[in-house]
Amino acid sequence: MSDVPFFRTVMGHRFIEATVPALVTELQRLNKNLERLVIAIERAASPAPKPPEEPR
């Protein structure tokens, strides 16, 4: 192995400047989608409210 630190290599620079931010963006997107999915599942699992009864 060379004595050059990874972040000083072209591949290391690309990893830090492009890959890591892209991963963070995709993780944020995944989290938002999971939150929406959980909300949809919770709504589907809860019973529908009963309509008010009409007076006789």
N, C-alpha and C. Protein backbone atom coordinates (compact mmCIF):
# COMPACT_ATOMS: atom_id res chain seq x y z
N MET A 1 0.84 -1.18 0.00
CA MET A 1 0.00 0.00 0.00
C MET A 1 0.88 1.24 0.00
N SER A 2 0.34 2.29 -0.58
CA SER A 2 1.11 3.53 -0.61
C SER A 2 0.90 4.31 0.69
N ASP A 3 1.72 5.31 0.87
CA ASP A 3 1.63 6.15 2.06
C ASP A 3 0.69 7.33 1.85
N VAL A 4 0.01 7.39 0.68
CA VAL A 4 -0.91 8.49 0.39
C VAL A 4 -2.25 8.19 1.06
N PRO A 5 -2.75 9.12 1.89
CA PRO A 5 -4.06 8.89 2.52
C PRO A 5 -5.16 8.79 1.46
N PHE A 6 -6.15 8.00 1.76
CA PHE A 6 -7.24 7.75 0.81
C PHE A 6 -7.89 9.05 0.33
N PHE A 7 -8.14 9.99 1.24
CA PHE A 7 -8.85 11.21 0.85
C PHE A 7 -8.02 12.08 -0.10
N ARG A 8 -6.74 11.82 -0.22
CA ARG A 8 -5.90 12.59 -1.13
C ARG A 8 -5.82 11.96 -2.52
N THR A 9 -6.37 10.78 -2.69
CA THR A 9 -6.37 10.14 -4.01
C THR A 9 -7.56 10.64 -4.83
N VAL A 10 -7.50 10.43 -6.13
CA VAL A 10 -8.61 10.82 -7.00
C VAL A 10 -9.87 10.06 -6.60
N MET A 11 -9.73 8.77 -6.35
CA MET A 11 -10.89 7.97 -5.96
C MET A 11 -11.41 8.42 -4.59
N GLY A 12 -10.55 8.73 -3.67
CA GLY A 12 -10.97 9.21 -2.36
C GLY A 12 -11.67 10.55 -2.44
N HIS A 13 -11.14 11.44 -3.26
CA HIS A 13 -11.78 12.74 -3.45
C HIS A 13 -13.16 12.58 -4.06
N ARG A 14 -13.28 11.73 -5.06
CA ARG A 14 -14.59 11.48 -5.69
C ARG A 14 -15.56 10.87 -4.68
N PHE A 15 -15.05 9.96 -3.85
CA PHE A 15 -15.90 9.33 -2.84
C PHE A 15 -16.46 10.37 -1.87
N ILE A 16 -15.59 11.23 -1.37
CA ILE A 16 -16.00 12.22 -0.37
C ILE A 16 -16.85 13.32 -0.99
N GLU A 17 -16.52 13.77 -2.18
CA GLU A 17 -17.21 14.90 -2.79
C GLU A 17 -18.50 14.51 -3.53
N ALA A 18 -18.60 13.28 -3.99
CA ALA A 18 -19.78 12.90 -4.79
C ALA A 18 -20.56 11.73 -4.20
N THR A 19 -19.88 10.66 -3.87
CA THR A 19 -20.57 9.45 -3.43
C THR A 19 -21.24 9.62 -2.08
N VAL A 20 -20.54 10.16 -1.11
CA VAL A 20 -21.12 10.33 0.23
C VAL A 20 -22.33 11.27 0.21
N PRO A 21 -22.26 12.44 -0.43
CA PRO A 21 -23.45 13.28 -0.49
C PRO A 21 -24.62 12.61 -1.21
N ALA A 22 -24.33 11.85 -2.26
CA ALA A 22 -25.40 11.13 -2.97
C ALA A 22 -26.03 10.08 -2.06
N LEU A 23 -25.22 9.40 -1.27
CA LEU A 23 -25.75 8.41 -0.33
C LEU A 23 -26.64 9.07 0.71
N VAL A 24 -26.22 10.21 1.22
CA VAL A 24 -27.02 10.93 2.22
C VAL A 24 -28.36 11.35 1.61
N THR A 25 -28.33 11.86 0.40
CA THR A 25 -29.56 12.27 -0.27
C THR A 25 -30.51 11.09 -0.45
N GLU A 26 -29.98 9.95 -0.87
CA GLU A 26 -30.82 8.78 -1.07
C GLU A 26 -31.36 8.24 0.26
N LEU A 27 -30.58 8.32 1.32
CA LEU A 27 -31.06 7.89 2.63
C LEU A 27 -32.19 8.79 3.12
N GLN A 28 -32.07 10.09 2.87
CA GLN A 28 -33.14 11.01 3.24
C GLN A 28 -34.40 10.70 2.44
N ARG A 29 -34.25 10.43 1.16
CA ARG A 29 -35.39 10.09 0.31
C ARG A 29 -36.05 8.79 0.77
N LEU A 30 -35.24 7.81 1.12
CA LEU A 30 -35.76 6.53 1.61
C LEU A 30 -36.52 6.73 2.91
N ASN A 31 -35.99 7.55 3.81
CA ASN A 31 -36.66 7.81 5.08
C ASN A 31 -38.02 8.48 4.87
N LYS A 32 -38.09 9.45 3.96
CA LYS A 32 -39.36 10.11 3.68
C LYS A 32 -40.38 9.11 3.12
N ASN A 33 -39.92 8.25 2.23
CA ASN A 33 -40.83 7.25 1.66
C ASN A 33 -41.30 6.25 2.72
N LEU A 34 -40.41 5.86 3.62
CA LEU A 34 -40.80 4.95 4.70
C LEU A 34 -41.81 5.60 5.63
N GLU A 35 -41.62 6.88 5.93
CA GLU A 35 -42.58 7.59 6.78
C GLU A 35 -43.95 7.63 6.12
N ARG A 36 -43.99 7.90 4.82
CA ARG A 36 -45.27 7.92 4.10
C ARG A 36 -45.91 6.54 4.09
N LEU A 37 -45.10 5.50 3.94
CA LEU A 37 -45.61 4.13 3.94
C LEU A 37 -46.19 3.76 5.30
N VAL A 38 -45.52 4.13 6.37
CA VAL A 38 -46.01 3.84 7.72
C VAL A 38 -47.35 4.55 7.95
N ILE A 39 -47.45 5.80 7.53
CA ILE A 39 -48.71 6.54 7.68
C ILE A 39 -49.82 5.84 6.91
N ALA A 40 -49.53 5.42 5.69
CA ALA A 40 -50.55 4.75 4.87
C ALA A 40 -50.98 3.43 5.50
N ILE A 41 -50.04 2.68 6.06
CA ILE A 41 -50.37 1.40 6.70
C ILE A 41 -51.19 1.64 7.95
N GLU A 42 -50.83 2.66 8.74
CA GLU A 42 -51.59 2.96 9.95
C GLU A 42 -53.02 3.38 9.61
N ARG A 43 -53.18 4.16 8.56
CA ARG A 43 -54.53 4.57 8.15
C ARG A 43 -55.35 3.38 7.68
N ALA A 44 -54.72 2.47 6.96
CA ALA A 44 -55.43 1.30 6.45
C ALA A 44 -55.80 0.34 7.59
N ALA A 45 -55.00 0.32 8.64
CA ALA A 45 -55.24 -0.61 9.74
C ALA A 45 -56.29 -0.09 10.72
N SER A 46 -56.46 1.20 10.80
CA SER A 46 -57.43 1.74 11.76
C SER A 46 -58.84 1.61 11.18
N PRO A 47 -59.81 1.32 12.04
CA PRO A 47 -61.19 1.17 11.54
C PRO A 47 -61.74 2.51 11.07
N ALA A 48 -62.57 2.45 10.07
CA ALA A 48 -63.19 3.67 9.54
C ALA A 48 -64.20 4.20 10.55
N PRO A 49 -64.29 5.51 10.71
CA PRO A 49 -65.27 6.05 11.66
C PRO A 49 -66.69 5.77 11.17
N LYS A 50 -67.59 5.51 12.14
CA LYS A 50 -68.98 5.23 11.78
C LYS A 50 -69.69 6.54 11.46
N PRO A 51 -70.52 6.53 10.44
CA PRO A 51 -71.28 7.76 10.14
C PRO A 51 -72.31 8.00 11.23
N PRO A 52 -72.66 9.26 11.50
CA PRO A 52 -73.64 9.53 12.56
C PRO A 52 -75.00 8.96 12.17
N GLU A 53 -75.69 8.47 13.20
CA GLU A 53 -77.02 7.89 12.94
C GLU A 53 -78.04 9.01 12.76
N GLU A 54 -78.99 8.76 11.86
CA GLU A 54 -80.04 9.75 11.60
C GLU A 54 -81.14 9.58 12.64
N PRO A 55 -81.73 10.70 13.08
CA PRO A 55 -82.84 10.58 14.08
C PRO A 55 -84.06 9.92 13.44
N ARG A 56 -84.81 9.21 14.26
CA ARG A 56 -85.98 8.48 13.76
C ARG A 56 -87.23 9.26 13.96
